[in-house]
Amino acid sequence: MASAIIQSVQDKKDRFLEFYKRDEVRGHISMTCQAIGIGRQTYYDWIDKDEKFRKAIYDAKMDMCDDMEQVLIARAVEKDTTALIYWLKYNHPNYKEVQNVTNIQVNVVPILGGATK
């Protein structure tokens, strides 16, 4: 009986991953949970307790990132200004934004006691 429950949970995890990777879903957790009939908390429990599942989700996200990066590059090649700016800003050292940090020190001198004449 316990073996059947474990297999059932594994089947749900497998279905979750399959649905999660679909183009029309693309990593939408709530949509995937609803489609396979689990609560969102169950997903987070799986992530916390199952390293293999956690890695599979991570790998799926990285695959999606690769796909999105290819779209961004294609748009940049087509001279889409926003894509060009974004790509250069995050990939070319000459275009990276530099944060200006201003360190202002304020010296406060406490006044002890009352004024003297």
C-alpha atoms as a PDB file:
ATOM      1  CA  MET A   1       0.000   0.000   0.000  1.00  0.00           C
ATOM      2  CA  ALA A   2       2.770   2.463   0.934  1.00  0.00           C
ATOM      3  CA  SER A   3       4.541   1.573  -2.299  1.00  0.00           C
ATOM      4  CA  ALA A   4       1.420   2.490  -4.295  1.00  0.00           C
ATOM      5  CA  ILE A   5       1.175   5.859  -2.520  1.00  0.00           C
ATOM      6  CA  ILE A   6       4.842   6.585  -3.169  1.00  0.00           C
ATOM      7  CA  GLN A   7       4.378   5.687  -6.838  1.00  0.00           C
ATOM      8  CA  SER A   8       1.287   7.890  -7.000  1.00  0.00           C
ATOM      9  CA  VAL A   9       3.249  10.851  -5.604  1.00  0.00           C
ATOM     10  CA  GLN A  10       6.080  10.186  -8.065  1.00  0.00           C
ATOM     11  CA  ASP A  11       3.544  10.021 -10.918  1.00  0.00           C
ATOM     12  CA  LYS A  12       2.194  13.420  -9.859  1.00  0.00           C
ATOM     13  CA  LYS A  13       5.703  14.857  -9.739  1.00  0.00           C
ATOM     14  CA  ASP A  14       6.403  13.496 -13.211  1.00  0.00           C
ATOM     15  CA  ARG A  15       3.134  14.940 -14.535  1.00  0.00           C
ATOM     16  CA  PHE A  16       3.914  18.240 -12.822  1.00  0.00           C
ATOM     17  CA  LEU A  17       7.260  18.498 -14.599  1.00  0.00           C
ATOM     18  CA  GLU A  18       5.755  17.533 -17.936  1.00  0.00           C
ATOM     19  CA  PHE A  19       2.988  20.143 -17.680  1.00  0.00           C
ATOM     20  CA  TYR A  20       5.293  22.803 -16.189  1.00  0.00           C
ATOM     21  CA  LYS A  21       7.542  22.659 -19.277  1.00  0.00           C
ATOM     22  CA  ARG A  22       4.768  23.157 -21.825  1.00  0.00           C
ATOM     23  CA  ASP A  23       5.036  26.257 -23.990  1.00  0.00           C
ATOM     24  CA  GLU A  24       1.600  27.493 -22.976  1.00  0.00           C
ATOM     25  CA  VAL A  25       2.478  27.154 -19.272  1.00  0.00           C
ATOM     26  CA  ARG A  26       6.180  28.061 -19.162  1.00  0.00           C
ATOM     27  CA  GLY A  27       6.756  27.625 -15.449  1.00  0.00           C
ATOM     28  CA  HIS A  28       3.474  28.951 -14.084  1.00  0.00           C
ATOM     29  CA  ILE A  29       3.282  27.171 -10.726  1.00  0.00           C
ATOM     30  CA  SER A  30      -0.376  27.780  -9.857  1.00  0.00           C
ATOM     31  CA  MET A  31      -1.562  26.721 -13.304  1.00  0.00           C
ATOM     32  CA  THR A  32       0.484  23.545 -13.113  1.00  0.00           C
ATOM     33  CA  CYS A  33      -0.711  22.709  -9.586  1.00  0.00           C
ATOM     34  CA  GLN A  34      -4.314  23.165 -10.634  1.00  0.00           C
ATOM     35  CA  ALA A  35      -3.852  21.034 -13.760  1.00  0.00           C
ATOM     36  CA  ILE A  36      -2.505  18.039 -11.856  1.00  0.00           C
ATOM     37  CA  GLY A  37      -4.728  18.440  -8.808  1.00  0.00           C
ATOM     38  CA  ILE A  38      -2.362  19.473  -6.028  1.00  0.00           C
ATOM     39  CA  GLY A  39      -2.185  22.508  -3.794  1.00  0.00           C
ATOM     40  CA  ARG A  40       0.580  25.051  -4.209  1.00  0.00           C
ATOM     41  CA  GLN A  41       1.912  24.113  -0.752  1.00  0.00           C
ATOM     42  CA  THR A  42       2.416  20.538  -1.961  1.00  0.00           C
ATOM     43  CA  TYR A  43       4.682  21.879  -4.709  1.00  0.00           C
ATOM     44  CA  TYR A  44       6.741  23.801  -2.146  1.00  0.00           C
ATOM     45  CA  ASP A  45       6.906  20.724   0.098  1.00  0.00           C
ATOM     46  CA  TRP A  46       8.250  18.714  -2.850  1.00  0.00           C
ATOM     47  CA  ILE A  47      10.824  21.428  -3.557  1.00  0.00           C
ATOM     48  CA  ASP A  48      11.945  21.419   0.097  1.00  0.00           C
ATOM     49  CA  LYS A  49      12.091  17.652   0.578  1.00  0.00           C
ATOM     50  CA  ASP A  50      12.980  16.139  -2.810  1.00  0.00           C
ATOM     51  CA  GLU A  51      16.376  17.139  -4.181  1.00  0.00           C
ATOM     52  CA  LYS A  52      15.797  15.302  -7.471  1.00  0.00           C
ATOM     53  CA  PHE A  53      12.506  17.166  -8.044  1.00  0.00           C
ATOM     54  CA  ARG A  54      14.102  20.480  -7.014  1.00  0.00           C
ATOM     55  CA  LYS A  55      16.907  19.934  -9.536  1.00  0.00           C
ATOM     56  CA  ALA A  56      14.438  18.989 -12.269  1.00  0.00           C
ATOM     57  CA  ILE A  57      12.510  22.235 -11.662  1.00  0.00           C
ATOM     58  CA  TYR A  58      15.764  24.215 -11.708  1.00  0.00           C
ATOM     59  CA  ASP A  59      16.823  22.542 -14.968  1.00  0.00           C
ATOM     60  CA  ALA A  60      13.426  23.300 -16.517  1.00  0.00           C
ATOM     61  CA  LYS A  61      13.770  26.964 -15.503  1.00  0.00           C
ATOM     62  CA  MET A  62      17.258  27.133 -16.986  1.00  0.00           C
ATOM     63  CA  ASP A  63      15.939  25.640 -20.243  1.00  0.00           C
ATOM     64  CA  MET A  64      13.282  28.372 -20.288  1.00  0.00           C
ATOM     65  CA  CYS A  65      15.972  30.984 -19.646  1.00  0.00           C
ATOM     66  CA  ASP A  66      17.980  29.649 -22.587  1.00  0.00           C
ATOM     67  CA  ASP A  67      14.897  29.899 -24.798  1.00  0.00           C
ATOM     68  CA  MET A  68      14.160  33.457 -23.639  1.00  0.00           C
ATOM     69  CA  GLU A  69      17.773  34.472 -24.158  1.00  0.00           C
ATOM     70  CA  GLN A  70      17.571  33.250 -27.746  1.00  0.00           C
ATOM     71  CA  VAL A  71      14.446  35.367 -28.278  1.00  0.00           C
ATOM     72  CA  LEU A  72      16.214  38.400 -26.806  1.00  0.00           C
ATOM     73  CA  ILE A  73      19.245  37.862 -29.045  1.00  0.00           C
ATOM     74  CA  ALA A  74      17.047  37.451 -32.111  1.00  0.00           C
ATOM     75  CA  ARG A  75      15.275  40.723 -31.315  1.00  0.00           C
ATOM     76  CA  ALA A  76      18.580  42.493 -30.734  1.00  0.00           C
ATOM     77  CA  VAL A  77      19.844  41.235 -34.094  1.00  0.00           C
ATOM     78  CA  GLU A  78      16.667  42.641 -35.669  1.00  0.00           C
ATOM     79  CA  LYS A  79      17.686  46.051 -34.211  1.00  0.00           C
ATOM     80  CA  ASP A  80      15.021  46.180 -31.503  1.00  0.00           C
ATOM     81  CA  THR A  81      16.349  49.090 -29.436  1.00  0.00           C
ATOM     82  CA  THR A  82      15.059  47.805 -26.096  1.00  0.00           C
ATOM     83  CA  ALA A  83      16.566  44.365 -26.681  1.00  0.00           C
ATOM     84  CA  LEU A  84      19.873  45.911 -27.727  1.00  0.00           C
ATOM     85  CA  ILE A  85      20.032  48.098 -24.622  1.00  0.00           C
ATOM     86  CA  TYR A  86      19.098  45.229 -22.322  1.00  0.00           C
ATOM     87  CA  TRP A  87      21.603  42.842 -23.875  1.00  0.00           C
ATOM     88  CA  LEU A  88      24.471  45.323 -23.737  1.00  0.00           C
ATOM     89  CA  LYS A  89      23.596  46.499 -20.228  1.00  0.00           C
ATOM     90  CA  TYR A  90      23.849  42.984 -18.799  1.00  0.00           C
ATOM     91  CA  ASN A  91      26.509  41.459 -21.029  1.00  0.00           C
ATOM     92  CA  HIS A  92      29.025  44.082 -22.182  1.00  0.00           C
ATOM     93  CA  PRO A  93      31.365  45.596 -19.574  1.00  0.00           C
ATOM     94  CA  ASN A  94      31.345  49.013 -21.242  1.00  0.00           C
ATOM     95  CA  TYR A  95      27.565  49.311 -20.885  1.00  0.00           C
ATOM     96  CA  LYS A  96      27.037  47.979 -17.388  1.00  0.00           C
ATOM     97  CA  GLU A  97      25.378  50.401 -15.014  1.00  0.00           C
ATOM     98  CA  VAL A  98      27.611  51.569 -12.212  1.00  0.00           C
ATOM     99  CA  GLN A  99      26.047  52.409  -8.906  1.00  0.00           C
ATOM    100  CA  ASN A 100      27.238  55.652  -7.422  1.00  0.00           C
ATOM    101  CA  VAL A 101      27.644  55.276  -3.711  1.00  0.00           C
ATOM    102  CA  THR A 102      27.842  58.438  -1.698  1.00  0.00           C
ATOM    103  CA  ASN A 103      29.035  58.076   1.832  1.00  0.00           C
ATOM    104  CA  ILE A 104      27.840  60.997   3.881  1.00  0.00           C
ATOM    105  CA  GLN A 105      28.933  61.142   7.475  1.00  0.00           C
ATOM    106  CA  VAL A 106      27.164  63.440   9.833  1.00  0.00           C
ATOM    107  CA  ASN A 107      28.943  64.319  13.021  1.00  0.00           C
ATOM    108  CA  VAL A 108      26.554  65.089  15.818  1.00  0.00           C
ATOM    109  CA  VAL A 109      27.927  66.680  18.925  1.00  0.00           C
ATOM    110  CA  PRO A 110      25.638  66.150  21.874  1.00  0.00           C
ATOM    111  CA  ILE A 111      25.004  69.102  24.135  1.00  0.00           C
ATOM    112  CA  LEU A 112      25.300  68.086  27.728  1.00  0.00           C
ATOM    113  CA  GLY A 113      23.703  70.126  30.428  1.00  0.00           C
ATOM    114  CA  GLY A 114      22.402  73.655  30.005  1.00  0.00           C
ATOM    115  CA  ALA A 115      23.998  76.676  28.434  1.00  0.00           C
ATOM    116  CA  THR A 116      26.548  78.529  30.586  1.00  0.00           C
ATOM    117  CA  LYS A 117      27.284  82.252  30.613  1.00  0.00           C
END
